[in-house]
């Protein structure tokens, strides 16, 4: 130790903390000063292999917390080749009480009316109808299927909001 200079461990610790604080202040100032607007790009990656666009729902079942849509066919796209497959789509861990089915009185153009119904009512009133998916949207445990509900040849607009906490599983008949 140098004579006349008395440095304690606590003094050295305070000195290091002071240097860290000054360093952080410098970096924060550099990060946030004059930075303007921030740009964030959301990338959606590759398109999924299967599409429900133009697919027709033949049956909807709810068993053991899974909501199953049976289709006459769905499309697949691989290496630029389009194919059709008989398939089911299963939404696992789905609470049927959170399923919203909106059936309108016509196709949505300018003005429209409609009703919100639950799955049992849909199954009863539209058991002979066919739901053709036009648009499918997925986000954070929610699927929205929009399309035409055809009863005796007359299409009306229909939207199905499906909330689920499990997986969405494609069960595809490859044969």
N, C-alpha and C. Protein backbone atom coordinates (compact mmCIF):
# COMPACT_ATOMS: atom_id res chain seq x y z
N UNK A 1 0.83 -1.16 0.00
CA UNK A 1 0.00 0.00 0.00
C UNK A 1 0.88 1.24 0.00
N UNK A 2 0.43 2.25 -0.72
CA UNK A 2 1.20 3.48 -0.80
C UNK A 2 0.89 4.31 0.43
N UNK A 3 1.97 4.86 1.00
CA UNK A 3 1.80 5.60 2.22
C UNK A 3 1.02 6.90 1.95
N UNK A 4 0.08 7.18 2.79
CA UNK A 4 -0.72 8.40 2.67
C UNK A 4 -1.96 8.21 1.83
N UNK A 5 -2.11 7.06 1.22
CA UNK A 5 -3.28 6.81 0.39
C UNK A 5 -4.05 5.66 1.01
N UNK A 6 -5.25 5.97 1.42
CA UNK A 6 -6.04 4.96 2.11
C UNK A 6 -7.29 4.68 1.26
N UNK A 7 -7.36 3.50 0.68
CA UNK A 7 -8.47 3.11 -0.18
C UNK A 7 -9.14 1.89 0.45
N UNK A 8 -10.42 2.02 0.69
CA UNK A 8 -11.15 0.90 1.28
C UNK A 8 -11.87 0.13 0.18
N UNK A 9 -12.29 -1.07 0.52
CA UNK A 9 -13.01 -1.92 -0.43
C UNK A 9 -14.33 -1.28 -0.80
N UNK A 10 -14.99 -0.65 0.17
CA UNK A 10 -16.29 -0.03 -0.13
C UNK A 10 -16.10 1.16 -1.08
N UNK A 11 -15.01 1.90 -0.94
CA UNK A 11 -14.74 3.01 -1.86
C UNK A 11 -14.55 2.48 -3.28
N UNK A 12 -13.82 1.39 -3.45
CA UNK A 12 -13.59 0.81 -4.76
C UNK A 12 -14.92 0.32 -5.38
N UNK A 13 -15.78 -0.24 -4.55
CA UNK A 13 -17.08 -0.70 -5.04
C UNK A 13 -17.91 0.50 -5.51
N UNK A 14 -17.97 1.57 -4.74
CA UNK A 14 -18.71 2.76 -5.14
C UNK A 14 -18.14 3.35 -6.43
N UNK A 15 -16.83 3.32 -6.58
CA UNK A 15 -16.18 3.85 -7.78
C UNK A 15 -16.61 3.03 -9.01
N UNK A 16 -16.62 1.69 -8.85
CA UNK A 16 -17.03 0.84 -9.96
C UNK A 16 -18.50 1.07 -10.32
N UNK A 17 -19.35 1.21 -9.31
CA UNK A 17 -20.76 1.47 -9.56
C UNK A 17 -20.94 2.80 -10.28
N UNK A 18 -20.20 3.81 -9.86
CA UNK A 18 -20.27 5.12 -10.51
C UNK A 18 -19.86 5.04 -11.98
N UNK A 19 -18.82 4.29 -12.28
CA UNK A 19 -18.37 4.13 -13.66
C UNK A 19 -19.44 3.40 -14.47
N UNK A 20 -20.05 2.35 -13.90
CA UNK A 20 -21.11 1.63 -14.58
C UNK A 20 -22.30 2.54 -14.88
N UNK A 21 -22.69 3.36 -13.89
CA UNK A 21 -23.82 4.26 -14.09
C UNK A 21 -23.52 5.25 -15.21
N UNK A 22 -22.30 5.81 -15.23
CA UNK A 22 -21.94 6.74 -16.30
C UNK A 22 -21.94 6.04 -17.65
N UNK A 23 -21.46 4.79 -17.69
CA UNK A 23 -21.44 4.04 -18.94
C UNK A 23 -22.85 3.79 -19.45
N UNK A 24 -23.75 3.36 -18.53
CA UNK A 24 -25.13 3.11 -18.93
C UNK A 24 -25.81 4.39 -19.40
N UNK A 25 -25.54 5.50 -18.70
CA UNK A 25 -26.14 6.77 -19.12
C UNK A 25 -25.69 7.13 -20.53
N UNK A 26 -24.40 6.92 -20.83
CA UNK A 26 -23.87 7.19 -22.16
C UNK A 26 -24.58 6.33 -23.21
N UNK A 27 -24.70 5.02 -22.95
CA UNK A 27 -25.32 4.11 -23.93
C UNK A 27 -26.80 4.40 -24.11
N UNK A 28 -27.52 4.68 -23.03
CA UNK A 28 -28.93 5.02 -23.16
C UNK A 28 -29.11 6.31 -23.95
N UNK A 29 -28.24 7.27 -23.70
CA UNK A 29 -28.33 8.52 -24.44
C UNK A 29 -28.10 8.26 -25.93
N UNK A 30 -27.13 7.41 -26.25
CA UNK A 30 -26.86 7.08 -27.65
C UNK A 30 -28.04 6.33 -28.29
N UNK A 31 -28.66 5.45 -27.53
CA UNK A 31 -29.77 4.66 -28.06
C UNK A 31 -31.03 5.48 -28.30
N UNK A 32 -31.34 6.39 -27.38
CA UNK A 32 -32.63 7.04 -27.41
C UNK A 32 -32.62 8.49 -27.87
N UNK A 33 -31.48 9.09 -28.01
CA UNK A 33 -31.43 10.48 -28.43
C UNK A 33 -31.58 10.57 -29.94
N UNK A 34 -32.47 11.40 -30.40
CA UNK A 34 -32.67 11.66 -31.83
C UNK A 34 -32.93 10.39 -32.63
N UNK A 35 -33.64 9.48 -32.09
CA UNK A 35 -33.82 8.23 -32.82
C UNK A 35 -35.03 8.24 -33.73
N UNK A 36 -35.94 9.15 -33.59
CA UNK A 36 -37.08 9.24 -34.50
C UNK A 36 -38.03 8.06 -34.33
N UNK A 37 -38.71 7.73 -35.42
CA UNK A 37 -39.68 6.64 -35.35
C UNK A 37 -38.98 5.29 -35.49
N UNK A 38 -39.61 4.29 -34.91
CA UNK A 38 -39.06 2.94 -34.98
C UNK A 38 -39.85 2.16 -36.01
N UNK A 39 -39.18 1.37 -36.82
CA UNK A 39 -39.82 0.57 -37.85
C UNK A 39 -39.70 -0.90 -37.47
N UNK A 40 -40.83 -1.60 -37.44
CA UNK A 40 -40.85 -3.02 -37.14
C UNK A 40 -41.52 -3.74 -38.31
N UNK A 41 -40.89 -4.77 -38.81
CA UNK A 41 -41.44 -5.55 -39.92
C UNK A 41 -41.87 -6.90 -39.40
N UNK A 42 -43.10 -7.26 -39.70
CA UNK A 42 -43.61 -8.57 -39.31
C UNK A 42 -43.52 -9.49 -40.52
N UNK A 43 -42.74 -10.53 -40.40
CA UNK A 43 -42.58 -11.48 -41.49
C UNK A 43 -43.47 -12.69 -41.23
N UNK A 44 -44.16 -13.14 -42.25
CA UNK A 44 -45.07 -14.25 -42.08
C UNK A 44 -44.47 -15.57 -42.52
N UNK A 45 -43.23 -15.57 -42.96
CA UNK A 45 -42.58 -16.82 -43.33
C UNK A 45 -43.22 -17.45 -44.55
N UNK A 46 -43.02 -18.73 -44.68
CA UNK A 46 -43.57 -19.46 -45.81
C UNK A 46 -45.07 -19.67 -45.64
N UNK A 47 -45.74 -19.82 -46.76
CA UNK A 47 -47.17 -20.12 -46.71
C UNK A 47 -47.35 -21.55 -46.22
N UNK A 48 -48.45 -21.81 -45.53
CA UNK A 48 -48.69 -23.19 -45.07
C UNK A 48 -48.95 -24.11 -46.26
N UNK A 49 -48.71 -25.39 -46.05
CA UNK A 49 -48.89 -26.37 -47.12
C UNK A 49 -50.35 -26.50 -47.52
N UNK A 50 -51.26 -26.44 -46.56
CA UNK A 50 -52.68 -26.67 -46.83
C UNK A 50 -53.48 -25.37 -46.79
N UNK A 51 -54.51 -25.31 -47.61
CA UNK A 51 -55.40 -24.16 -47.64
C UNK A 51 -56.84 -24.63 -47.60
N UNK A 52 -57.67 -23.89 -46.87
CA UNK A 52 -59.10 -24.20 -46.80
C UNK A 52 -59.91 -23.36 -47.79
N UNK A 53 -59.25 -22.48 -48.53
CA UNK A 53 -59.96 -21.63 -49.50
C UNK A 53 -60.70 -22.52 -50.50
N UNK A 54 -61.98 -22.24 -50.70
CA UNK A 54 -62.87 -22.99 -51.58
C UNK A 54 -63.21 -24.39 -51.06
N UNK A 55 -62.75 -24.75 -49.87
CA UNK A 55 -63.10 -26.05 -49.30
C UNK A 55 -64.50 -25.98 -48.71
N UNK A 56 -65.20 -27.09 -48.77
CA UNK A 56 -66.59 -27.13 -48.29
C UNK A 56 -66.69 -28.02 -47.06
N UNK A 57 -67.24 -27.44 -46.00
CA UNK A 57 -67.43 -28.17 -44.74
C UNK A 57 -68.63 -29.09 -44.90
N UNK A 58 -68.41 -30.36 -44.65
CA UNK A 58 -69.49 -31.35 -44.72
C UNK A 58 -70.13 -31.58 -43.36
N UNK A 59 -69.30 -31.48 -42.29
CA UNK A 59 -69.80 -31.77 -40.95
C UNK A 59 -68.91 -31.07 -39.93
N UNK A 60 -69.52 -30.63 -38.83
CA UNK A 60 -68.79 -30.07 -37.69
C UNK A 60 -69.17 -30.87 -36.46
N UNK A 61 -68.15 -31.37 -35.75
CA UNK A 61 -68.39 -32.16 -34.54
C UNK A 61 -67.58 -31.58 -33.39
N UNK A 62 -68.13 -31.70 -32.19
CA UNK A 62 -67.41 -31.29 -30.99
C UNK A 62 -67.38 -32.47 -30.04
N UNK A 63 -66.18 -33.04 -29.83
CA UNK A 63 -66.00 -34.21 -28.97
C UNK A 63 -64.72 -34.03 -28.16
N UNK A 64 -64.80 -34.25 -26.85
CA UNK A 64 -63.64 -34.21 -25.95
C UNK A 64 -62.80 -32.95 -26.12
N UNK A 65 -63.44 -31.80 -26.09
CA UNK A 65 -62.77 -30.49 -26.20
C UNK A 65 -62.08 -30.26 -27.54
N UNK A 66 -62.42 -31.03 -28.55
CA UNK A 66 -61.87 -30.83 -29.90
C UNK A 66 -63.01 -30.53 -30.86
N UNK A 67 -62.81 -29.49 -31.66
CA UNK A 67 -63.77 -29.11 -32.68
C UNK A 67 -63.23 -29.60 -34.02
N UNK A 68 -63.99 -30.49 -34.69
CA UNK A 68 -63.52 -31.12 -35.92
C UNK A 68 -64.39 -30.71 -37.09
N UNK A 69 -63.75 -30.19 -38.13
CA UNK A 69 -64.40 -29.84 -39.38
C UNK A 69 -64.04 -30.93 -40.40
N UNK A 70 -65.05 -31.53 -40.99
CA UNK A 70 -64.82 -32.53 -42.04
C UNK A 70 -65.09 -31.86 -43.39
N UNK A 71 -64.10 -31.94 -44.29
CA UNK A 71 -64.18 -31.29 -45.60
C UNK A 71 -64.28 -32.34 -46.70
N UNK A 72 -64.98 -31.99 -47.79
CA UNK A 72 -64.98 -32.89 -48.93
C UNK A 72 -63.59 -32.89 -49.57
N UNK A 73 -62.91 -31.75 -49.52
CA UNK A 73 -61.52 -31.67 -49.97
C UNK A 73 -60.92 -30.37 -49.45
N UNK A 74 -59.60 -30.36 -49.32
CA UNK A 74 -58.83 -29.13 -49.09
C UNK A 74 -57.69 -29.14 -50.11
N UNK A 75 -57.06 -28.02 -50.30
CA UNK A 75 -55.97 -27.91 -51.26
C UNK A 75 -54.63 -28.03 -50.56
N UNK A 76 -53.65 -28.56 -51.28
CA UNK A 76 -52.27 -28.51 -50.83
C UNK A 76 -51.43 -27.97 -51.98
N UNK A 77 -50.37 -27.29 -51.61
CA UNK A 77 -49.47 -26.69 -52.59
C UNK A 77 -48.05 -27.08 -52.22
N UNK A 78 -47.39 -27.78 -53.12
CA UNK A 78 -46.02 -28.20 -52.86
C UNK A 78 -45.27 -28.25 -54.18
N UNK A 79 -44.13 -27.57 -54.21
CA UNK A 79 -43.30 -27.52 -55.42
C UNK A 79 -44.09 -27.04 -56.64
N UNK A 80 -44.97 -26.08 -56.41
CA UNK A 80 -45.75 -25.51 -57.50
C UNK A 80 -46.89 -26.38 -57.99
N UNK A 81 -47.15 -27.48 -57.31
CA UNK A 81 -48.22 -28.40 -57.72
C UNK A 81 -49.38 -28.28 -56.74
N UNK A 82 -50.59 -28.11 -57.30
CA UNK A 82 -51.81 -28.03 -56.49
C UNK A 82 -52.49 -29.40 -56.49
N UNK A 83 -52.87 -29.86 -55.30
CA UNK A 83 -53.58 -31.13 -55.17
C UNK A 83 -54.77 -30.94 -54.23
N UNK A 84 -55.74 -31.84 -54.30
CA UNK A 84 -56.85 -31.84 -53.36
C UNK A 84 -56.82 -33.12 -52.54
N UNK A 85 -57.33 -33.02 -51.31
CA UNK A 85 -57.32 -34.15 -50.39
C UNK A 85 -58.61 -34.13 -49.56
N UNK A 86 -59.18 -35.30 -49.32
CA UNK A 86 -60.23 -35.40 -48.30
C UNK A 86 -59.53 -35.14 -46.97
N UNK A 87 -60.17 -34.38 -46.09
CA UNK A 87 -59.45 -34.02 -44.87
C UNK A 87 -60.40 -33.60 -43.76
N UNK A 88 -59.84 -33.60 -42.57
CA UNK A 88 -60.47 -33.01 -41.40
C UNK A 88 -59.49 -32.00 -40.82
N UNK A 89 -60.03 -30.96 -40.21
CA UNK A 89 -59.21 -30.01 -39.46
C UNK A 89 -59.73 -30.04 -38.03
N UNK A 90 -58.81 -30.28 -37.10
CA UNK A 90 -59.18 -30.42 -35.69
C UNK A 90 -58.56 -29.26 -34.90
N UNK A 91 -59.41 -28.55 -34.17
CA UNK A 91 -58.95 -27.51 -33.26
C UNK A 91 -58.99 -28.11 -31.86
N UNK A 92 -57.81 -28.36 -31.29
CA UNK A 92 -57.72 -29.01 -29.99
C UNK A 92 -57.88 -27.99 -28.87
N UNK A 93 -58.40 -28.46 -27.75
CA UNK A 93 -58.64 -27.64 -26.56
C UNK A 93 -59.47 -26.41 -26.92
N UNK A 94 -60.60 -26.69 -27.50
CA UNK A 94 -61.53 -25.64 -27.93
C UNK A 94 -62.72 -25.63 -26.98
N UNK A 95 -63.07 -24.47 -26.48
CA UNK A 95 -64.25 -24.34 -25.63
C UNK A 95 -65.43 -23.97 -26.52
N UNK A 96 -66.36 -24.88 -26.68
CA UNK A 96 -67.47 -24.68 -27.60
C UNK A 96 -68.31 -23.45 -27.21
N UNK A 97 -68.28 -23.05 -25.95
CA UNK A 97 -69.02 -21.86 -25.52
C UNK A 97 -68.41 -20.58 -26.11
N UNK A 98 -67.15 -20.65 -26.53
CA UNK A 98 -66.49 -19.49 -27.13
C UNK A 98 -66.57 -19.48 -28.65
N UNK A 99 -67.22 -20.47 -29.23
CA UNK A 99 -67.38 -20.53 -30.68
C UNK A 99 -68.50 -19.59 -31.09
N UNK A 100 -68.19 -18.66 -31.98
CA UNK A 100 -69.19 -17.72 -32.51
C UNK A 100 -69.48 -18.06 -33.95
N UNK A 101 -70.74 -18.20 -34.28
CA UNK A 101 -71.13 -18.41 -35.67
C UNK A 101 -72.09 -17.28 -36.02
N UNK A 102 -71.70 -16.50 -37.00
CA UNK A 102 -72.51 -15.36 -37.44
C UNK A 102 -73.09 -15.71 -38.81
N UNK A 103 -74.40 -15.77 -38.90
CA UNK A 103 -75.08 -16.09 -40.15
C UNK A 103 -75.86 -14.85 -40.57
N UNK A 104 -75.57 -14.37 -41.77
CA UNK A 104 -76.20 -13.16 -42.27
C UNK A 104 -77.39 -13.51 -43.15
N UNK A 105 -78.21 -12.52 -43.45
CA UNK A 105 -79.42 -12.76 -44.24
C UNK A 105 -79.15 -12.77 -45.74
N UNK A 106 -77.96 -12.37 -46.13
CA UNK A 106 -77.60 -12.33 -47.56
C UNK A 106 -76.08 -12.32 -47.65
N UNK A 107 -75.60 -12.08 -48.84
CA UNK A 107 -74.16 -11.86 -48.98
C UNK A 107 -73.90 -10.43 -48.54
N UNK A 108 -72.76 -10.20 -47.92
CA UNK A 108 -72.47 -8.87 -47.38
C UNK A 108 -72.09 -7.93 -48.52
N UNK A 109 -72.93 -6.95 -48.75
CA UNK A 109 -72.63 -5.93 -49.74
C UNK A 109 -72.67 -4.57 -49.04
N UNK A 110 -73.79 -3.91 -49.07
CA UNK A 110 -73.89 -2.60 -48.42
C UNK A 110 -74.52 -2.71 -47.03
N UNK A 111 -75.71 -3.22 -46.97
CA UNK A 111 -76.40 -3.36 -45.69
C UNK A 111 -76.78 -4.82 -45.50
N UNK A 112 -76.83 -5.23 -44.26
CA UNK A 112 -77.14 -6.62 -43.98
C UNK A 112 -77.61 -6.75 -42.54
N UNK A 113 -78.25 -7.85 -42.25
CA UNK A 113 -78.61 -8.22 -40.89
C UNK A 113 -78.25 -9.69 -40.74
N UNK A 114 -78.29 -10.15 -39.54
CA UNK A 114 -77.96 -11.54 -39.32
C UNK A 114 -78.15 -11.91 -37.87
N UNK A 115 -77.63 -13.08 -37.52
CA UNK A 115 -77.78 -13.56 -36.15
C UNK A 115 -76.52 -14.28 -35.71
N UNK A 116 -76.32 -14.27 -34.40
CA UNK A 116 -75.21 -15.01 -33.78
C UNK A 116 -75.82 -16.27 -33.19
N UNK A 117 -75.27 -17.42 -33.59
CA UNK A 117 -75.82 -18.68 -33.07
C UNK A 117 -74.68 -19.53 -32.51
N UNK A 118 -75.06 -20.51 -31.72
CA UNK A 118 -74.09 -21.44 -31.15
C UNK A 118 -74.10 -22.73 -31.95
N UNK A 119 -73.12 -23.57 -31.70
CA UNK A 119 -72.94 -24.78 -32.50
C UNK A 119 -74.16 -25.69 -32.53
N UNK A 120 -74.83 -25.99 -31.39
CA UNK A 120 -76.00 -26.88 -31.48
C UNK A 120 -77.09 -26.32 -32.41
N UNK A 121 -77.31 -25.03 -32.36
CA UNK A 121 -78.32 -24.41 -33.23
C UNK A 121 -77.88 -24.49 -34.69
N UNK A 122 -76.59 -24.25 -34.94
CA UNK A 122 -76.07 -24.36 -36.31
C UNK A 122 -76.26 -25.79 -36.83
N UNK A 123 -75.90 -26.77 -36.00
CA UNK A 123 -76.03 -28.16 -36.41
C UNK A 123 -77.48 -28.54 -36.69
N UNK A 124 -78.40 -27.99 -35.94
CA UNK A 124 -79.81 -28.29 -36.14
C UNK A 124 -80.37 -27.57 -37.37
N UNK A 125 -80.14 -26.27 -37.46
CA UNK A 125 -80.75 -25.48 -38.53
C UNK A 125 -80.07 -25.65 -39.89
N UNK A 126 -78.77 -25.97 -39.87
CA UNK A 126 -78.02 -25.99 -41.13
C UNK A 126 -77.38 -27.36 -41.41
N UNK A 127 -78.00 -28.42 -40.91
CA UNK A 127 -77.43 -29.76 -41.09
C UNK A 127 -77.39 -30.18 -42.56
N UNK A 128 -78.28 -29.65 -43.35
CA UNK A 128 -78.32 -29.97 -44.78
C UNK A 128 -77.62 -28.90 -45.63
N UNK A 129 -77.03 -27.91 -44.98
CA UNK A 129 -76.36 -26.82 -45.70
C UNK A 129 -74.88 -27.13 -45.87
N UNK A 130 -74.26 -26.31 -46.69
CA UNK A 130 -72.83 -26.48 -46.95
C UNK A 130 -72.14 -25.14 -46.73
N UNK A 131 -71.08 -25.15 -45.93
CA UNK A 131 -70.30 -23.93 -45.68
C UNK A 131 -69.03 -23.99 -46.51
N UNK A 132 -68.88 -23.04 -47.43
CA UNK A 132 -67.69 -22.97 -48.28
C UNK A 132 -66.77 -21.87 -47.75
N UNK A 133 -65.56 -22.24 -47.36
CA UNK A 133 -64.60 -21.28 -46.82
C UNK A 133 -64.02 -20.45 -47.96
N UNK A 134 -64.10 -19.14 -47.81
CA UNK A 134 -63.50 -18.23 -48.78
C UNK A 134 -62.21 -17.64 -48.20
N UNK A 135 -62.26 -17.22 -46.95
CA UNK A 135 -61.10 -16.61 -46.30
C UNK A 135 -60.85 -17.29 -44.97
N UNK A 136 -59.60 -17.60 -44.69
CA UNK A 136 -59.20 -18.18 -43.41
C UNK A 136 -58.11 -17.31 -42.80
N UNK A 137 -58.25 -17.02 -41.51
CA UNK A 137 -57.30 -16.17 -40.81
C UNK A 137 -56.98 -16.82 -39.47
N UNK A 138 -55.69 -16.81 -39.10
CA UNK A 138 -55.26 -17.44 -37.85
C UNK A 138 -54.37 -16.47 -37.08
N UNK A 139 -54.57 -16.44 -35.75
CA UNK A 139 -53.73 -15.58 -34.93
C UNK A 139 -53.94 -15.91 -33.46
N UNK A 140 -52.91 -16.30 -32.77
CA UNK A 140 -52.87 -16.45 -31.32
C UNK A 140 -54.07 -17.20 -30.75
N UNK A 141 -54.28 -18.42 -31.17
CA UNK A 141 -55.36 -19.22 -30.61
C UNK A 141 -56.73 -18.86 -31.13
N UNK A 142 -56.77 -18.25 -32.29
CA UNK A 142 -58.05 -17.87 -32.88
C UNK A 142 -58.00 -18.18 -34.38
N UNK A 143 -59.05 -18.79 -34.86
CA UNK A 143 -59.21 -19.02 -36.30
C UNK A 143 -60.52 -18.36 -36.71
N UNK A 144 -60.50 -17.68 -37.84
CA UNK A 144 -61.71 -17.07 -38.38
C UNK A 144 -61.90 -17.63 -39.79
N UNK A 145 -63.02 -18.30 -39.97
CA UNK A 145 -63.38 -18.83 -41.28
C UNK A 145 -64.56 -18.02 -41.79
N UNK A 146 -64.39 -17.43 -42.98
CA UNK A 146 -65.46 -16.63 -43.58
C UNK A 146 -65.81 -17.23 -44.93
N UNK A 147 -67.09 -17.21 -45.25
CA UNK A 147 -67.45 -17.74 -46.55
C UNK A 147 -68.94 -17.74 -46.77
N UNK A 148 -69.38 -18.68 -47.64
CA UNK A 148 -70.77 -18.78 -48.03
C UNK A 148 -71.40 -19.99 -47.37
N UNK A 149 -72.54 -19.76 -46.77
CA UNK A 149 -73.35 -20.84 -46.24
C UNK A 149 -74.49 -21.03 -47.23
N UNK A 150 -74.49 -22.19 -47.90
CA UNK A 150 -75.48 -22.44 -48.96
C UNK A 150 -76.56 -23.39 -48.47
N UNK A 151 -77.78 -22.91 -48.49
CA UNK A 151 -78.94 -23.71 -48.14
C UNK A 151 -79.87 -23.71 -49.34
N UNK A 152 -80.11 -24.89 -49.89
CA UNK A 152 -80.97 -25.04 -51.06
C UNK A 152 -80.53 -24.10 -52.19
N UNK A 153 -79.24 -23.98 -52.40
CA UNK A 153 -78.71 -23.19 -53.50
C UNK A 153 -78.61 -21.71 -53.26
N UNK A 154 -79.09 -21.21 -52.13
CA UNK A 154 -79.03 -19.77 -51.83
C UNK A 154 -77.90 -19.48 -50.86
N UNK A 155 -76.87 -18.75 -51.32
CA UNK A 155 -75.75 -18.45 -50.42
C UNK A 155 -76.01 -17.23 -49.55
N UNK A 156 -75.58 -17.31 -48.31
CA UNK A 156 -75.54 -16.16 -47.41
C UNK A 156 -74.14 -16.12 -46.80
N UNK A 157 -73.75 -14.97 -46.33
CA UNK A 157 -72.44 -14.83 -45.73
C UNK A 157 -72.45 -15.45 -44.33
N UNK A 158 -71.33 -16.10 -43.97
CA UNK A 158 -71.20 -16.73 -42.66
C UNK A 158 -69.77 -16.54 -42.15
N UNK A 159 -69.65 -16.25 -40.88
CA UNK A 159 -68.34 -16.10 -40.24
C UNK A 159 -68.31 -16.99 -39.01
N UNK A 160 -67.24 -17.79 -38.89
CA UNK A 160 -67.06 -18.63 -37.72
C UNK A 160 -65.79 -18.19 -36.99
N UNK A 161 -65.95 -17.75 -35.75
CA UNK A 161 -64.83 -17.37 -34.89
C UNK A 161 -64.57 -18.52 -33.93
N UNK A 162 -63.40 -19.12 -34.04
CA UNK A 162 -63.06 -20.30 -33.26
C UNK A 162 -61.90 -19.94 -32.34
N UNK A 163 -62.09 -20.15 -31.04
CA UNK A 163 -61.05 -19.88 -30.06
C UNK A 163 -60.57 -21.22 -29.51
N UNK A 164 -59.24 -21.42 -29.48
CA UNK A 164 -58.69 -22.69 -29.02
C UNK A 164 -57.33 -22.46 -28.38
N UNK A 165 -56.93 -23.35 -27.48
CA UNK A 165 -55.63 -23.21 -26.81
C UNK A 165 -54.69 -24.34 -27.16
N UNK A 166 -55.16 -25.30 -27.91
CA UNK A 166 -54.31 -26.42 -28.35
C UNK A 166 -53.76 -26.18 -29.74
N UNK A 167 -53.59 -27.26 -30.45
CA UNK A 167 -53.07 -27.20 -31.82
C UNK A 167 -54.20 -27.22 -32.83
N UNK A 168 -53.87 -26.78 -34.03
CA UNK A 168 -54.75 -26.95 -35.18
C UNK A 168 -54.11 -28.07 -35.99
N UNK A 169 -54.83 -29.18 -36.17
CA UNK A 169 -54.25 -30.36 -36.78
C UNK A 169 -54.98 -30.68 -38.09
N UNK A 170 -54.22 -30.83 -39.17
CA UNK A 170 -54.77 -31.29 -40.44
C UNK A 170 -54.68 -32.80 -40.47
N UNK A 171 -55.81 -33.49 -40.61
CA UNK A 171 -55.85 -34.94 -40.74
C UNK A 171 -56.21 -35.19 -42.21
N UNK A 172 -55.20 -35.54 -43.01
CA UNK A 172 -55.34 -35.58 -44.45
C UNK A 172 -55.32 -37.01 -44.96
N UNK A 173 -56.29 -37.35 -45.80
CA UNK A 173 -56.33 -38.65 -46.44
C UNK A 173 -55.43 -38.56 -47.68
N UNK A 174 -54.27 -39.16 -47.61
CA UNK A 174 -53.31 -39.08 -48.71
C UNK A 174 -53.62 -40.09 -49.82
N UNK A 175 -54.57 -40.98 -49.56
CA UNK A 175 -54.86 -42.04 -50.55
C UNK A 175 -55.76 -41.63 -51.66
